[in-house]
Protein backbone atom coordinates (compact mmCIF):
# COMPACT_ATOMS: atom_id res chain seq x y z
CA MET A 1 54.99 139.66 92.32
CA GLU A 2 56.63 143.26 92.06
CA LYS A 3 60.91 143.35 90.82
CA GLN A 4 63.07 146.16 90.79
CA ARG A 5 65.94 145.07 87.81
CA HIS A 6 68.66 147.03 86.65
CA ARG A 7 69.09 146.67 82.48
CA PRO A 8 73.00 147.07 81.91
CA LEU A 9 74.58 148.98 78.84
CA ARG A 10 70.94 150.10 78.02
CA SER A 11 69.23 153.06 76.78
CA GLY A 12 65.83 153.68 74.99
CA SER A 13 62.80 155.37 74.59
CA ALA A 14 61.47 154.48 77.64
CA ILE A 15 64.85 154.50 79.67
CA ALA A 16 66.99 157.86 78.83
CA LEU A 17 69.90 156.32 81.22
CA VAL A 18 71.15 153.38 82.76
CA ALA A 19 70.26 152.81 86.01
CA ILE A 20 67.74 151.18 88.79
CA LEU A 21 64.27 150.23 86.84
CA LEU A 22 61.27 150.16 88.77
CA THR A 23 58.80 148.19 87.62
CA VAL A 24 55.62 147.87 89.16
CA ALA A 25 53.67 145.26 87.49
CA CYS A 26 53.81 141.71 88.25
CA THR A 27 56.00 139.90 86.22
CA SER A 28 56.23 135.92 85.01
CA GLY A 29 60.04 136.02 86.70
CA ASP A 30 61.49 134.85 83.61
CA GLY A 31 64.15 137.75 83.25
CA SER A 32 63.09 139.86 80.46
CA PRO A 33 63.35 142.99 80.62
CA GLN A 34 60.68 144.99 81.55
CA ARG A 35 58.38 147.13 79.38
CA GLY A 36 57.28 150.60 80.32
CA ALA A 37 59.55 150.72 83.56
CA THR A 38 59.84 153.62 85.18
CA SER A 39 63.35 155.08 85.04
CA ALA A 40 65.03 155.91 88.11
CA THR A 41 67.29 158.09 85.75
CA SER A 42 64.70 159.16 82.81
CA SER A 43 64.23 162.79 83.98
CA GLY A 44 67.88 163.55 84.31
CA ALA A 45 67.15 165.31 87.47
CA THR A 46 69.98 165.39 90.52
CA GLY A 47 67.24 165.18 93.17
CA THR A 48 68.87 168.56 94.75
CA ASP A 49 68.26 172.20 94.41
CA ALA A 50 68.89 173.58 90.65
CA SER A 51 71.21 176.19 92.68
CA GLN A 52 73.70 173.39 94.11
CA ALA A 53 76.53 172.18 92.89
CA PRO A 54 75.95 169.14 91.21
CA LEU A 55 76.84 165.88 92.69
CA SER A 56 80.12 163.76 91.12
CA ARG A 57 79.47 160.04 89.56
CA ALA A 58 81.18 159.35 92.56
CA GLN A 59 78.32 160.61 95.22
CA GLU A 60 75.99 159.76 92.86
CA PHE A 61 77.11 155.85 92.62
CA ARG A 62 77.22 155.88 95.96
CA ALA A 63 73.78 156.91 96.62
CA LEU A 64 72.66 154.46 94.36
CA THR A 65 74.72 152.00 95.99
CA GLU A 66 73.01 152.88 99.14
CA TYR A 67 68.89 153.12 98.65
CA VAL A 68 69.89 149.54 96.82
CA ASN A 69 70.86 148.33 100.02
CA ASN A 70 68.19 150.07 102.25
CA MET A 71 65.70 148.50 100.16
CA ILE A 72 66.96 145.48 100.48
CA ASP A 73 67.27 145.42 104.29
CA CYS A 74 63.61 147.06 104.70
CA LEU A 75 62.65 144.28 102.57
CA GLU A 76 64.30 141.12 104.11
CA ALA A 77 62.93 142.47 107.60
CA ASP A 78 59.35 141.87 106.18
CA GLY A 79 60.94 138.33 105.71
CA ILE A 80 61.22 138.66 101.83
CA LYS A 81 64.89 137.31 100.48
CA MET A 82 66.28 139.35 98.40
CA ARG A 83 69.42 139.11 96.29
CA LYS A 84 71.47 141.40 94.14
CA ALA A 85 71.55 142.45 90.52
CA PRO A 86 75.10 140.98 89.04
CA ASP A 87 76.32 144.96 88.64
CA GLY A 88 74.89 145.61 92.39
CA LEU A 89 72.79 148.77 91.27
CA GLY A 90 69.09 146.83 91.26
CA PHE A 91 67.93 144.18 93.00
CA GLU A 92 64.95 140.84 92.98
CA PRO A 93 63.84 138.59 95.01
CA ASP A 94 65.33 135.52 95.61
CA PRO A 95 64.17 132.65 93.55
CA ALA A 96 65.50 130.03 96.24
CA TYR A 97 63.47 131.19 98.48
CA PRO A 98 59.33 131.19 98.55
CA GLN A 99 57.80 134.53 98.16
CA GLY A 100 54.41 135.08 100.70
CA GLU A 101 51.50 136.78 99.26
CA GLY A 102 52.44 139.99 101.33
CA ALA A 103 55.66 140.89 99.48
CA GLY A 104 53.88 143.20 96.86
CA GLN A 105 52.89 145.14 99.89
CA SER A 106 55.94 145.24 101.35
CA PHE A 107 57.71 146.34 98.34
CA THR A 108 55.59 149.46 98.00
CA GLU A 109 55.86 150.39 101.75
CA CYS A 110 59.44 150.03 101.32
CA ASN A 111 59.54 152.06 98.59
CA GLU A 112 57.31 154.77 100.15
CA GLU A 113 59.90 154.20 103.65
CA ASN A 114 62.96 155.11 101.13
CA GLY A 115 61.83 157.19 98.64
CA PRO A 116 62.34 157.50 94.89
CA PRO A 117 65.83 156.28 93.78
CA PRO A 118 68.33 159.05 93.58
CA GLU A 119 68.52 160.88 90.10
CA PRO A 120 71.88 160.72 88.38
CA ARG A 121 72.39 163.48 85.79
CA PRO A 122 71.93 162.70 81.81
CA LEU A 123 75.12 161.10 80.39
CA THR A 124 77.07 162.99 77.79
CA ALA A 125 78.32 161.39 74.57
CA GLU A 126 81.62 161.55 76.10
CA GLU A 127 80.68 159.78 79.32
CA TRP A 128 78.85 156.86 77.16
CA SER A 129 82.21 156.90 74.92
CA ALA A 130 83.99 155.66 78.20
CA ALA A 131 81.38 152.93 78.68
CA TYR A 132 81.89 151.34 74.99
CA PRO A 133 85.02 149.17 76.28
CA GLU A 134 82.41 146.91 78.79
CA ALA A 135 79.67 146.70 76.22
CA GLU A 136 82.63 145.22 74.44
CA ARG A 137 83.96 143.13 77.16
CA GLN A 138 80.16 141.71 78.10
CA SER A 139 79.90 140.83 74.34
CA ARG A 140 82.71 138.92 73.99
CA CYS A 141 81.82 137.35 77.62
CA LEU A 142 78.34 136.87 76.55
CA GLU A 143 79.56 134.90 72.94
CA GLN A 144 82.26 133.11 74.69
CA ASN A 145 79.73 131.29 77.03
CA GLY A 146 77.73 130.53 74.16
CA PHE A 147 74.70 132.90 74.16
CA PRO A 148 73.64 134.32 70.76
CA VAL A 149 75.01 138.40 70.51
CA PRO A 150 74.19 141.11 68.10
CA GLU A 151 76.75 142.64 66.29
CA LEU A 152 78.12 145.54 68.58
CA PRO A 153 77.64 148.70 66.53
CA SER A 154 80.79 151.22 66.26
CA ARG A 155 81.79 153.35 68.98
CA GLU A 156 80.34 156.04 67.16
CA THR A 157 76.82 154.68 66.31
CA TRP A 158 76.79 153.25 69.88
CA VAL A 159 77.39 156.57 71.42
CA GLN A 160 74.92 158.32 69.43
CA ASP A 161 71.84 156.02 69.63
CA MET A 162 72.29 155.40 73.61
CA VAL A 163 72.86 159.68 73.73
CA THR A 164 69.20 159.79 71.45
CA GLY A 165 67.80 156.89 73.50
CA SER A 166 67.34 155.17 69.96
CA LYS A 167 64.56 152.72 70.52
CA ASP A 168 67.23 150.38 68.25
CA SER A 169 69.99 150.77 70.72
CA TYR A 170 71.66 148.10 70.98
CA TYR A 171 71.12 145.14 73.90
CA ALA A 172 73.57 142.35 74.61
CA PHE A 173 70.46 140.20 75.77
CA SER A 174 68.45 141.13 72.63
CA GLU A 175 68.74 137.35 71.08
CA ILE A 176 68.82 135.30 73.81
CA SER A 177 65.76 134.04 75.23
CA PRO A 178 63.69 135.47 77.90
CA ASP A 179 64.26 131.88 80.28
CA GLN A 180 67.95 132.11 79.69
CA ILE A 181 68.32 135.95 80.45
CA PRO A 182 69.04 135.75 83.79
CA SER A 183 71.71 133.16 83.40
CA ALA A 184 73.02 135.09 80.39
CA GLN A 185 73.28 138.13 83.15
CA ARG A 186 74.87 136.54 85.94
CA ALA A 187 77.50 134.89 83.73
CA CYS A 188 78.30 137.76 82.45
CA PRO A 189 77.25 140.79 84.17
CA ALA A 190 78.21 144.90 83.30
CA LYS A 191 78.98 147.40 85.41
CA ASP A 192 76.59 150.33 85.40
CA VAL A 193 77.90 153.58 83.57
CA VAL A 194 77.55 155.62 86.41
CA GLN A 195 79.76 152.91 88.36
CA ILE A 196 82.35 153.19 85.85
CA LEU A 197 82.33 157.10 85.60
CA ALA A 198 82.71 156.48 89.44
CA GLU A 199 85.74 154.13 89.57
CA ALA A 200 87.55 156.71 86.81
CA GLU A 201 87.28 159.78 88.93
CA THR A 202 88.01 158.08 92.06
CA GLY A 203 91.02 155.83 90.75
CA GLY A 204 89.49 152.41 91.86
C-alpha cells in the first residue's frame, strides 16, 4: 500500500531537505524510512515564477499544512482512514482501521487532484543551525524512553552534513529496529525544520 511518510530532521543523497516524502512503492508497513522516495523539497523549487518574491518560511509551512490536510480529506472521503505524522507534515494510513484494496488507486487520484506537494526553498546553513536544538531535544527524548540513539555530532558537523546532503548525516532512528520506529516517532516527534523557522518568523 502506498504511504506518505515524513522523515524529521533528516537530509541525505535522496532527500536534500526535510519535508513530505512521497513513497509510491508498496511498503511492508514496518515504519522504516523509505529509500528511493521522492522528496517534496529535493529540487528546492518554490512552485512560483522566478520573477516573484520567494515565500516566507511561515507561508511555506502554511502551504505544506494545507496540502497535508487536503490529501487526508480526499483519502478519507474515499473511506481510507488516515492519521497525521507526529510533526503534522506527513500522513499515513491509520493501522487501527483495515484498508480496502482500492487504497492505492485512491491515493493516485487524490495526488492528481491536489497536485504535487509544495516545495520550500533550500535551507541555508544558518537555518539548519537553528534546527540543531530540536535534534538535541529529540535525541534526549529517545534516550530517556529507552531507545538506542546514535551519538549526535557537533552543531558544525551536523549543519555541514545537512547542507551538503551527506549520506552519513545523522538520523535519530538509525539504530532502532524497523518495527519499533513508529512507536519511537510517536514518543519523540521532531518538528519539521520549516515549522521551526516559521515559528521564529511569527513569534509562535
